[in-house]
């Protein structure tokens, strides 16, 4: 857009502008309407320059911009026409026709140029935004909003697979943690089974007393080899010594069976309900 404005500036020699005149009255809110506004802008001068809300304009009397736009907007003063261009982000120049109170807004175009005419230009003022001036904030706001919305949508599209992958990795991490916990528990159970297994051959047919109860111990034998228990009660997770204590604490317990499953790395104790006539209770430790 700036090069096109520079081309417009190159056309300025076509119009003789009074050098010493800034013509601030042309854009004043008190410059009047219709003929009064035109007179404030062009009486005794060929043009000038001024500012409207931060946007600088240069204007030329008895001139218009070509090609002439096919549509126009109502404007009762030169200031109004310049302000319409200022508030339109696509407008680079405008032409005010005082005789009809119409304003023609021109967009950037390769063929855009100023057409001065002493004979036919009476009542016309051509305005153009000066190159390098800061555009009004409200003129850019729609572009800013669109850019922000586009960037937000692009960012969301990029972040969606990242968040999904993050959730997958967190789920995998949690599963690995639980698996590691189970492995640790299994490892500790295996160590417990191995320790009990090492004791088994040394205890076979030996007697031991726990509290006030004496037990005879059998290793690597099934329950049916010693007695026929009725109504065994299973207590999971007891060690060999714990199984003995459990049976000693129950007056009705005839014997305790510590059963170890090496493949599953689990131990459990069977407390037998059978009441025999033996003067001691029997504890059977089995390894299978």
C-alpha atoms as a PDB file:
ATOM      1  CA  UNK A   1       0.000   0.000   0.000  1.00  0.00           C
ATOM      2  CA  UNK A   2       2.886   2.417   0.787  1.00  0.00           C
ATOM      3  CA  UNK A   3       4.404   2.262  -2.740  1.00  0.00           C
ATOM      4  CA  UNK A   4       0.970   3.085  -4.156  1.00  0.00           C
ATOM      5  CA  UNK A   5       0.703   6.060  -1.853  1.00  0.00           C
ATOM      6  CA  UNK A   6       4.149   7.137  -3.020  1.00  0.00           C
ATOM      7  CA  UNK A   7       2.885   7.000  -6.585  1.00  0.00           C
ATOM      8  CA  UNK A   8       0.027   9.236  -5.467  1.00  0.00           C
ATOM      9  CA  UNK A   9       2.541  11.611  -3.962  1.00  0.00           C
ATOM     10  CA  UNK A  10       4.355  11.689  -7.308  1.00  0.00           C
ATOM     11  CA  UNK A  11       1.214  13.159  -8.855  1.00  0.00           C
ATOM     12  CA  UNK A  12       1.209  16.145  -6.547  1.00  0.00           C
ATOM     13  CA  UNK A  13       3.231  18.384  -8.907  1.00  0.00           C
ATOM     14  CA  UNK A  14       0.171  18.320 -11.146  1.00  0.00           C
ATOM     15  CA  UNK A  15      -1.529  20.566  -8.608  1.00  0.00           C
ATOM     16  CA  UNK A  16      -0.038  23.813  -7.383  1.00  0.00           C
ATOM     17  CA  UNK A  17      -0.333  23.752  -3.578  1.00  0.00           C
ATOM     18  CA  UNK A  18       0.354  26.827  -1.535  1.00  0.00           C
ATOM     19  CA  UNK A  19       3.488  25.838   0.386  1.00  0.00           C
ATOM     20  CA  UNK A  20       3.027  27.918   3.482  1.00  0.00           C
ATOM     21  CA  UNK A  21      -0.539  26.802   4.187  1.00  0.00           C
ATOM     22  CA  UNK A  22      -1.350  23.914   6.574  1.00  0.00           C
ATOM     23  CA  UNK A  23      -5.094  24.639   6.232  1.00  0.00           C
ATOM     24  CA  UNK A  24      -5.986  23.309   9.658  1.00  0.00           C
ATOM     25  CA  UNK A  25      -9.466  24.897   9.378  1.00  0.00           C
ATOM     26  CA  UNK A  26     -10.406  22.430   6.614  1.00  0.00           C
ATOM     27  CA  UNK A  27     -10.553  19.537   9.097  1.00  0.00           C
ATOM     28  CA  UNK A  28     -11.888  21.508  12.028  1.00  0.00           C
ATOM     29  CA  UNK A  29     -15.171  20.367  13.510  1.00  0.00           C
ATOM     30  CA  UNK A  30     -16.292  24.011  13.283  1.00  0.00           C
ATOM     31  CA  UNK A  31     -15.412  24.380   9.598  1.00  0.00           C
ATOM     32  CA  UNK A  32     -19.072  24.339   8.633  1.00  0.00           C
ATOM     33  CA  UNK A  33     -21.106  22.334   6.129  1.00  0.00           C
ATOM     34  CA  UNK A  34     -21.553  22.395   2.392  1.00  0.00           C
ATOM     35  CA  UNK A  35     -20.327  25.585   0.711  1.00  0.00           C
ATOM     36  CA  UNK A  36     -18.920  26.936   4.014  1.00  0.00           C
ATOM     37  CA  UNK A  37     -16.809  23.821   4.468  1.00  0.00           C
ATOM     38  CA  UNK A  38     -15.562  23.987   0.887  1.00  0.00           C
ATOM     39  CA  UNK A  39     -14.662  27.671   1.296  1.00  0.00           C
ATOM     40  CA  UNK A  40     -12.687  26.955   4.511  1.00  0.00           C
ATOM     41  CA  UNK A  41     -10.656  24.353   2.650  1.00  0.00           C
ATOM     42  CA  UNK A  42     -10.151  25.980  -0.748  1.00  0.00           C
ATOM     43  CA  UNK A  43     -10.698  29.726  -0.530  1.00  0.00           C
ATOM     44  CA  UNK A  44      -7.493  31.324  -1.763  1.00  0.00           C
ATOM     45  CA  UNK A  45      -5.570  28.059  -1.866  1.00  0.00           C
ATOM     46  CA  UNK A  46      -5.148  24.983  -4.085  1.00  0.00           C
ATOM     47  CA  UNK A  47      -4.932  22.517  -1.217  1.00  0.00           C
ATOM     48  CA  UNK A  48      -3.284  21.762   2.081  1.00  0.00           C
ATOM     49  CA  UNK A  49      -2.883  19.156   4.777  1.00  0.00           C
ATOM     50  CA  UNK A  50      -4.289  18.324   8.179  1.00  0.00           C
ATOM     51  CA  UNK A  51      -4.904  15.631  10.730  1.00  0.00           C
ATOM     52  CA  UNK A  52      -7.973  13.764  11.871  1.00  0.00           C
ATOM     53  CA  UNK A  53      -7.632  11.650  15.024  1.00  0.00           C
ATOM     54  CA  UNK A  54      -3.996  10.772  14.380  1.00  0.00           C
ATOM     55  CA  UNK A  55      -4.245  10.214  10.619  1.00  0.00           C
ATOM     56  CA  UNK A  56      -2.691  12.837   8.368  1.00  0.00           C
ATOM     57  CA  UNK A  57      -4.301  13.800   5.079  1.00  0.00           C
ATOM     58  CA  UNK A  58      -3.219  15.905   2.136  1.00  0.00           C
ATOM     59  CA  UNK A  59      -5.981  17.426   0.042  1.00  0.00           C
ATOM     60  CA  UNK A  60      -6.274  19.081  -3.355  1.00  0.00           C
ATOM     61  CA  UNK A  61      -9.000  21.504  -4.402  1.00  0.00           C
ATOM     62  CA  UNK A  62     -10.743  21.284  -7.780  1.00  0.00           C
ATOM     63  CA  UNK A  63      -9.567  17.684  -8.175  1.00  0.00           C
ATOM     64  CA  UNK A  64     -10.853  14.151  -7.820  1.00  0.00           C
ATOM     65  CA  UNK A  65      -9.445  10.657  -7.779  1.00  0.00           C
ATOM     66  CA  UNK A  66      -9.783   8.392 -10.794  1.00  0.00           C
ATOM     67  CA  UNK A  67     -11.083   5.904 -11.491  1.00  0.00           C
ATOM     68  CA  UNK A  68     -14.171   7.256  -9.764  1.00  0.00           C
ATOM     69  CA  UNK A  69     -15.802   4.621  -7.497  1.00  0.00           C
ATOM     70  CA  UNK A  70     -19.244   3.510  -8.568  1.00  0.00           C
ATOM     71  CA  UNK A  71     -20.705   3.968  -5.090  1.00  0.00           C
ATOM     72  CA  UNK A  72     -20.702   6.941  -2.739  1.00  0.00           C
ATOM     73  CA  UNK A  73     -21.586   7.827   0.826  1.00  0.00           C
ATOM     74  CA  UNK A  74     -23.282  10.904   2.207  1.00  0.00           C
ATOM     75  CA  UNK A  75     -20.942  13.583   3.581  1.00  0.00           C
ATOM     76  CA  UNK A  76     -22.014  17.131   4.395  1.00  0.00           C
ATOM     77  CA  UNK A  77     -18.489  18.480   4.836  1.00  0.00           C
ATOM     78  CA  UNK A  78     -14.891  18.000   3.763  1.00  0.00           C
ATOM     79  CA  UNK A  79     -14.026  16.791   7.277  1.00  0.00           C
ATOM     80  CA  UNK A  80     -16.800  14.172   7.118  1.00  0.00           C
ATOM     81  CA  UNK A  81     -15.487  12.786   3.820  1.00  0.00           C
ATOM     82  CA  UNK A  82     -11.905  12.602   5.103  1.00  0.00           C
ATOM     83  CA  UNK A  83     -13.142  10.969   8.303  1.00  0.00           C
ATOM     84  CA  UNK A  84     -15.021   8.317   6.349  1.00  0.00           C
ATOM     85  CA  UNK A  85     -11.749   7.382   4.639  1.00  0.00           C
ATOM     86  CA  UNK A  86      -9.874   7.428   7.956  1.00  0.00           C
ATOM     87  CA  UNK A  87     -12.306   4.944   9.508  1.00  0.00           C
ATOM     88  CA  UNK A  88     -12.212   2.574   6.514  1.00  0.00           C
ATOM     89  CA  UNK A  89      -9.138   0.302   6.633  1.00  0.00           C
ATOM     90  CA  UNK A  90      -9.310  -0.292   2.863  1.00  0.00           C
ATOM     91  CA  UNK A  91      -9.542   3.393   1.939  1.00  0.00           C
ATOM     92  CA  UNK A  92      -6.388   5.209   0.776  1.00  0.00           C
ATOM     93  CA  UNK A  93      -8.069   8.254  -0.779  1.00  0.00           C
ATOM     94  CA  UNK A  94     -11.458   9.931  -1.042  1.00  0.00           C
ATOM     95  CA  UNK A  95     -13.188  12.590  -3.132  1.00  0.00           C
ATOM     96  CA  UNK A  96     -15.800  15.003  -1.772  1.00  0.00           C
ATOM     97  CA  UNK A  97     -18.399  16.417  -4.154  1.00  0.00           C
ATOM     98  CA  UNK A  98     -19.694  19.524  -2.420  1.00  0.00           C
ATOM     99  CA  UNK A  99     -22.513  20.073  -4.924  1.00  0.00           C
ATOM    100  CA  UNK A 100     -24.118  16.706  -4.067  1.00  0.00           C
ATOM    101  CA  UNK A 101     -22.687  16.209  -0.558  1.00  0.00           C
ATOM    102  CA  UNK A 102     -21.304  12.851  -1.597  1.00  0.00           C
ATOM    103  CA  UNK A 103     -18.043  11.131  -0.679  1.00  0.00           C
ATOM    104  CA  UNK A 104     -16.315   8.573  -2.928  1.00  0.00           C
ATOM    105  CA  UNK A 105     -13.880   6.234  -1.157  1.00  0.00           C
ATOM    106  CA  UNK A 106     -10.998   4.838  -3.241  1.00  0.00           C
ATOM    107  CA  UNK A 107      -9.056   1.696  -2.446  1.00  0.00           C
ATOM    108  CA  UNK A 108      -5.441   1.074  -3.460  1.00  0.00           C
ATOM    109  CA  UNK A 109      -5.227   0.532  -7.229  1.00  0.00           C
ATOM    110  CA  UNK A 110      -2.431   0.579  -9.784  1.00  0.00           C
ATOM    111  CA  UNK A 111      -4.306   3.143 -11.887  1.00  0.00           C
ATOM    112  CA  UNK A 112      -5.354   5.362  -8.970  1.00  0.00           C
ATOM    113  CA  UNK A 113      -4.436   8.976  -9.585  1.00  0.00           C
ATOM    114  CA  UNK A 114      -5.489  12.590  -9.045  1.00  0.00           C
ATOM    115  CA  UNK A 115      -7.370  14.411 -11.802  1.00  0.00           C
ATOM    116  CA  UNK A 116      -7.236  18.225 -11.375  1.00  0.00           C
ATOM    117  CA  UNK A 117      -9.423  20.516 -13.461  1.00  0.00           C
ATOM    118  CA  UNK A 118      -9.887  24.263 -13.158  1.00  0.00           C
ATOM    119  CA  UNK A 119     -12.842  24.086 -15.501  1.00  0.00           C
ATOM    120  CA  UNK A 120     -14.696  21.065 -14.151  1.00  0.00           C
ATOM    121  CA  UNK A 121     -13.215  20.660 -10.672  1.00  0.00           C
ATOM    122  CA  UNK A 122     -15.166  23.382  -8.890  1.00  0.00           C
ATOM    123  CA  UNK A 123     -16.808  21.852  -5.790  1.00  0.00           C
ATOM    124  CA  UNK A 124     -14.507  18.805  -5.664  1.00  0.00           C
ATOM    125  CA  UNK A 125     -11.798  18.091  -3.069  1.00  0.00           C
ATOM    126  CA  UNK A 126      -9.481  15.091  -3.297  1.00  0.00           C
ATOM    127  CA  UNK A 127      -8.043  13.675  -0.065  1.00  0.00           C
ATOM    128  CA  UNK A 128      -5.373  11.034   0.405  1.00  0.00           C
ATOM    129  CA  UNK A 129      -3.749   9.550   3.480  1.00  0.00           C
ATOM    130  CA  UNK A 130      -0.139  10.540   3.809  1.00  0.00           C
ATOM    131  CA  UNK A 131       2.380   7.677   3.606  1.00  0.00           C
ATOM    132  CA  UNK A 132       3.982   6.739   6.927  1.00  0.00           C
ATOM    133  CA  UNK A 133       1.186   7.994   9.172  1.00  0.00           C
ATOM    134  CA  UNK A 134      -0.100   5.734  11.888  1.00  0.00           C
ATOM    135  CA  UNK A 135      -3.430   4.132  10.945  1.00  0.00           C
ATOM    136  CA  UNK A 136      -6.253   4.492  13.461  1.00  0.00           C
ATOM    137  CA  UNK A 137      -6.513   1.732  16.019  1.00  0.00           C
ATOM    138  CA  UNK A 138     -10.131   0.963  15.226  1.00  0.00           C
ATOM    139  CA  UNK A 139      -9.303   0.572  11.536  1.00  0.00           C
ATOM    140  CA  UNK A 140      -6.841  -2.228  12.374  1.00  0.00           C
ATOM    141  CA  UNK A 141      -8.862  -3.876  15.115  1.00  0.00           C
ATOM    142  CA  UNK A 142     -10.734  -6.254  12.823  1.00  0.00           C
ATOM    143  CA  UNK A 143      -7.441  -7.420  11.326  1.00  0.00           C
ATOM    144  CA  UNK A 144      -5.957  -7.836  14.797  1.00  0.00           C
ATOM    145  CA  UNK A 145      -8.990  -9.827  15.958  1.00  0.00           C
ATOM    146  CA  UNK A 146      -8.827 -12.035  12.875  1.00  0.00           C
ATOM    147  CA  UNK A 147      -5.090 -12.638  13.312  1.00  0.00           C
ATOM    148  CA  UNK A 148      -5.533 -13.495  16.998  1.00  0.00           C
ATOM    149  CA  UNK A 149      -8.410 -15.864  16.212  1.00  0.00           C
ATOM    150  CA  UNK A 150      -6.425 -17.577  13.440  1.00  0.00           C
ATOM    151  CA  UNK A 151      -3.369 -17.957  15.657  1.00  0.00           C
ATOM    152  CA  UNK A 152      -5.499 -19.298  18.518  1.00  0.00           C
ATOM    153  CA  UNK A 153      -7.111 -21.860  16.199  1.00  0.00           C
ATOM    154  CA  UNK A 154      -3.716 -22.887  14.790  1.00  0.00           C
ATOM    155  CA  UNK A 155      -2.261 -23.163  18.289  1.00  0.00           C
ATOM    156  CA  UNK A 156      -5.206 -25.297  19.434  1.00  0.00           C
ATOM    157  CA  UNK A 157      -4.793 -27.572  16.405  1.00  0.00           C
ATOM    158  CA  UNK A 158      -1.093 -28.011  17.224  1.00  0.00           C
ATOM    159  CA  UNK A 159      -1.661 -28.507  20.945  1.00  0.00           C
ATOM    160  CA  UNK A 160      -4.454 -31.087  20.622  1.00  0.00           C
ATOM    161  CA  UNK A 161      -2.236 -34.053  19.546  1.00  0.00           C
ATOM    162  CA  UNK A 162       0.395 -32.947  22.074  1.00  0.00           C
ATOM    163  CA  UNK A 163      -2.133 -33.042  24.920  1.00  0.00           C
ATOM    164  CA  UNK A 164      -3.481 -36.383  23.712  1.00  0.00           C
ATOM    165  CA  UNK A 165       0.039 -37.827  23.632  1.00  0.00           C
ATOM    166  CA  UNK A 166       0.727 -36.358  27.085  1.00  0.00           C
ATOM    167  CA  UNK A 167      -2.379 -38.097  28.467  1.00  0.00           C
ATOM    168  CA  UNK A 168      -1.298 -41.388  26.865  1.00  0.00           C
ATOM    169  CA  UNK A 169       2.174 -41.113  28.396  1.00  0.00           C
ATOM    170  CA  UNK A 170       0.740 -40.293  31.817  1.00  0.00           C
ATOM    171  CA  UNK A 171      -1.513 -43.336  31.584  1.00  0.00           C
ATOM    172  CA  UNK A 172       1.441 -45.526  30.576  1.00  0.00           C
ATOM    173  CA  UNK A 173       3.485 -44.063  33.443  1.00  0.00           C
ATOM    174  CA  UNK A 174       0.733 -44.889  35.953  1.00  0.00           C
ATOM    175  CA  UNK A 175       0.420 -48.428  34.578  1.00  0.00           C
ATOM    176  CA  UNK A 176       4.191 -48.913  34.800  1.00  0.00           C
ATOM    177  CA  UNK A 177       4.159 -47.638  38.372  1.00  0.00           C
ATOM    178  CA  UNK A 178       1.416 -50.099  39.354  1.00  0.00           C
ATOM    179  CA  UNK A 179       3.250 -52.907  37.548  1.00  0.00           C
ATOM    180  CA  UNK A 180       6.451 -52.009  39.370  1.00  0.00           C
ATOM    181  CA  UNK A 181       4.581 -52.073  42.676  1.00  0.00           C
ATOM    182  CA  UNK A 182       3.256 -55.561  41.909  1.00  0.00           C
ATOM    183  CA  UNK A 183       6.721 -56.734  40.902  1.00  0.00           C
ATOM    184  CA  UNK A 184       8.083 -55.451  44.194  1.00  0.00           C
ATOM    185  CA  UNK A 185       5.384 -57.260  46.152  1.00  0.00           C
ATOM    186  CA  UNK A 186       6.014 -60.465  44.179  1.00  0.00           C
ATOM    187  CA  UNK A 187       9.748 -60.148  44.769  1.00  0.00           C
ATOM    188  CA  UNK A 188       9.228 -59.806  48.516  1.00  0.00           C
ATOM    189  CA  UNK A 189       6.833 -62.783  48.501  1.00  0.00           C
ATOM    190  CA  UNK A 190       9.368 -64.846  46.574  1.00  0.00           C
ATOM    191  CA  UNK A 191      12.083 -64.039  49.091  1.00  0.00           C
ATOM    192  CA  UNK A 192       9.735 -65.105  51.877  1.00  0.00           C
ATOM    193  CA  UNK A 193       8.980 -68.426  50.155  1.00  0.00           C
ATOM    194  CA  UNK A 194      12.680 -69.108  49.559  1.00  0.00           C
ATOM    195  CA  UNK A 195      13.527 -68.447  53.199  1.00  0.00           C
ATOM    196  CA  UNK A 196      10.820 -70.866  54.357  1.00  0.00           C
ATOM    197  CA  UNK A 197      11.955 -73.417  51.799  1.00  0.00           C
ATOM    198  CA  UNK A 198      15.518 -73.387  53.152  1.00  0.00           C
ATOM    199  CA  UNK A 199      14.221 -74.250  56.643  1.00  0.00           C
ATOM    200  CA  UNK A 200      12.091 -77.194  55.570  1.00  0.00           C
ATOM    201  CA  UNK A 201      14.659 -80.054  55.424  1.00  0.00           C
ATOM    202  CA  UNK A 202      16.144 -79.100  58.788  1.00  0.00           C
ATOM    203  CA  UNK A 203      12.790 -79.188  60.601  1.00  0.00           C
ATOM    204  CA  UNK A 204      11.513 -82.561  59.389  1.00  0.00           C
ATOM    205  CA  UNK A 205      10.346 -84.767  62.306  1.00  0.00           C
ATOM    206  CA  UNK A 206      11.662 -82.240  64.791  1.00  0.00           C
ATOM    207  CA  UNK A 207       9.593 -81.035  67.741  1.00  0.00           C
ATOM    208  CA  UNK A 208       9.112 -77.379  68.640  1.00  0.00           C
ATOM    209  CA  UNK A 209       7.176 -75.641  71.380  1.00  0.00           C
ATOM    210  CA  UNK A 210       5.275 -72.408  70.798  1.00  0.00           C
ATOM    211  CA  UNK A 211       3.795 -70.993  73.953  1.00  0.00           C
ATOM    212  CA  UNK A 212       2.431 -74.023  75.854  1.00  0.00           C
ATOM    213  CA  UNK A 213       1.894 -76.146  72.749  1.00  0.00           C
ATOM    214  CA  UNK A 214       4.373 -78.698  71.386  1.00  0.00           C
ATOM    215  CA  UNK A 215       4.362 -79.520  67.688  1.00  0.00           C
ATOM    216  CA  UNK A 216       5.899 -82.286  65.634  1.00  0.00           C
ATOM    217  CA  UNK A 217       7.007 -81.013  62.284  1.00  0.00           C
ATOM    218  CA  UNK A 218       6.836 -82.741  58.934  1.00  0.00           C
ATOM    219  CA  UNK A 219       8.431 -81.512  55.761  1.00  0.00           C
ATOM    220  CA  UNK A 220       7.350 -82.164  52.168  1.00  0.00           C
ATOM    221  CA  UNK A 221       4.325 -84.282  53.087  1.00  0.00           C
ATOM    222  CA  UNK A 222       0.667 -83.888  52.311  1.00  0.00           C
ATOM    223  CA  UNK A 223      -2.074 -83.412  54.887  1.00  0.00           C
ATOM    224  CA  UNK A 224      -3.556 -86.852  54.264  1.00  0.00           C
ATOM    225  CA  UNK A 225      -0.227 -88.420  55.199  1.00  0.00           C
ATOM    226  CA  UNK A 226      -0.581 -87.273  58.836  1.00  0.00           C
ATOM    227  CA  UNK A 227      -4.236 -86.829  59.674  1.00  0.00           C
ATOM    228  CA  UNK A 228      -7.621 -86.311  58.114  1.00  0.00           C
ATOM    229  CA  UNK A 229      -8.554 -82.756  59.154  1.00  0.00           C
ATOM    230  CA  UNK A 230     -12.121 -81.557  59.176  1.00  0.00           C
ATOM    231  CA  UNK A 231     -13.095 -78.031  58.243  1.00  0.00           C
ATOM    232  CA  UNK A 232      -9.677 -76.421  57.574  1.00  0.00           C
ATOM    233  CA  UNK A 233      -9.582 -72.629  57.750  1.00  0.00           C
ATOM    234  CA  UNK A 234      -7.284 -70.890  55.309  1.00  0.00           C
ATOM    235  CA  UNK A 235      -5.296 -67.874  56.449  1.00  0.00           C
ATOM    236  CA  UNK A 236      -3.393 -66.245  53.638  1.00  0.00           C
ATOM    237  CA  UNK A 237      -0.052 -64.530  54.011  1.00  0.00           C
ATOM    238  CA  UNK A 238       1.155 -66.227  57.190  1.00  0.00           C
ATOM    239  CA  UNK A 239       4.758 -67.317  57.548  1.00  0.00           C
ATOM    240  CA  UNK A 240       5.767 -70.648  59.058  1.00  0.00           C
ATOM    241  CA  UNK A 241       6.238 -69.186  62.549  1.00  0.00           C
ATOM    242  CA  UNK A 242       3.046 -67.169  62.270  1.00  0.00           C
ATOM    243  CA  UNK A 243       1.157 -70.308  61.363  1.00  0.00           C
ATOM    244  CA  UNK A 244       2.416 -71.992  64.524  1.00  0.00           C
ATOM    245  CA  UNK A 245       1.405 -69.017  66.659  1.00  0.00           C
ATOM    246  CA  UNK A 246      -2.046 -68.954  65.051  1.00  0.00           C
ATOM    247  CA  UNK A 247      -2.652 -72.574  65.887  1.00  0.00           C
ATOM    248  CA  UNK A 248      -1.310 -72.202  69.455  1.00  0.00           C
ATOM    249  CA  UNK A 249      -3.688 -69.352  70.146  1.00  0.00           C
ATOM    250  CA  UNK A 250      -6.750 -71.417  69.164  1.00  0.00           C
ATOM    251  CA  UNK A 251      -7.577 -74.163  71.662  1.00  0.00           C
ATOM    252  CA  UNK A 252      -9.555 -76.089  69.102  1.00  0.00           C
ATOM    253  CA  UNK A 253      -6.705 -76.185  66.554  1.00  0.00           C
ATOM    254  CA  UNK A 254      -5.359 -79.720  66.067  1.00  0.00           C
ATOM    255  CA  UNK A 255      -2.578 -78.700  63.723  1.00  0.00           C
ATOM    256  CA  UNK A 256      -1.422 -76.068  61.294  1.00  0.00           C
ATOM    257  CA  UNK A 257      -0.388 -76.720  57.716  1.00  0.00           C
ATOM    258  CA  UNK A 258       1.904 -74.226  56.058  1.00  0.00           C
ATOM    259  CA  UNK A 259       1.504 -74.721  52.335  1.00  0.00           C
ATOM    260  CA  UNK A 260       3.930 -73.044  49.961  1.00  0.00           C
ATOM    261  CA  UNK A 261       3.347 -72.718  46.223  1.00  0.00           C
ATOM    262  CA  UNK A 262       6.714 -72.077  44.590  1.00  0.00           C
ATOM    263  CA  UNK A 263       5.349 -71.383  41.127  1.00  0.00           C
ATOM    264  CA  UNK A 264       2.925 -68.723  42.356  1.00  0.00           C
ATOM    265  CA  UNK A 265       5.294 -67.522  45.077  1.00  0.00           C
ATOM    266  CA  UNK A 266       2.482 -67.582  47.672  1.00  0.00           C
ATOM    267  CA  UNK A 267       2.299 -68.979  51.189  1.00  0.00           C
ATOM    268  CA  UNK A 268      -0.738 -69.718  53.289  1.00  0.00           C
ATOM    269  CA  UNK A 269      -1.594 -71.540  56.497  1.00  0.00           C
ATOM    270  CA  UNK A 270      -4.312 -74.162  56.984  1.00  0.00           C
ATOM    271  CA  UNK A 271      -5.509 -74.313  60.602  1.00  0.00           C
ATOM    272  CA  UNK A 272      -7.065 -77.725  61.194  1.00  0.00           C
ATOM    273  CA  UNK A 273     -10.231 -78.216  63.253  1.00  0.00           C
ATOM    274  CA  UNK A 274      -9.603 -81.916  63.912  1.00  0.00           C
ATOM    275  CA  UNK A 275      -9.306 -82.895  67.590  1.00  0.00           C
ATOM    276  CA  UNK A 276      -7.071 -85.912  68.021  1.00  0.00           C
ATOM    277  CA  UNK A 277      -6.023 -87.933  71.129  1.00  0.00           C
ATOM    278  CA  UNK A 278      -2.349 -87.179  70.690  1.00  0.00           C
ATOM    279  CA  UNK A 279      -0.693 -85.377  73.564  1.00  0.00           C
ATOM    280  CA  UNK A 280       0.806 -82.858  71.099  1.00  0.00           C
ATOM    281  CA  UNK A 281      -0.320 -81.053  68.005  1.00  0.00           C
ATOM    282  CA  UNK A 282       1.238 -81.549  64.600  1.00  0.00           C
ATOM    283  CA  UNK A 283       2.412 -78.870  62.202  1.00  0.00           C
ATOM    284  CA  UNK A 284       2.977 -79.891  58.639  1.00  0.00           C
ATOM    285  CA  UNK A 285       5.131 -77.823  56.333  1.00  0.00           C
ATOM    286  CA  UNK A 286       4.799 -78.755  52.691  1.00  0.00           C
ATOM    287  CA  UNK A 287       6.765 -77.660  49.662  1.00  0.00           C
ATOM    288  CA  UNK A 288       5.174 -78.252  46.290  1.00  0.00           C
END
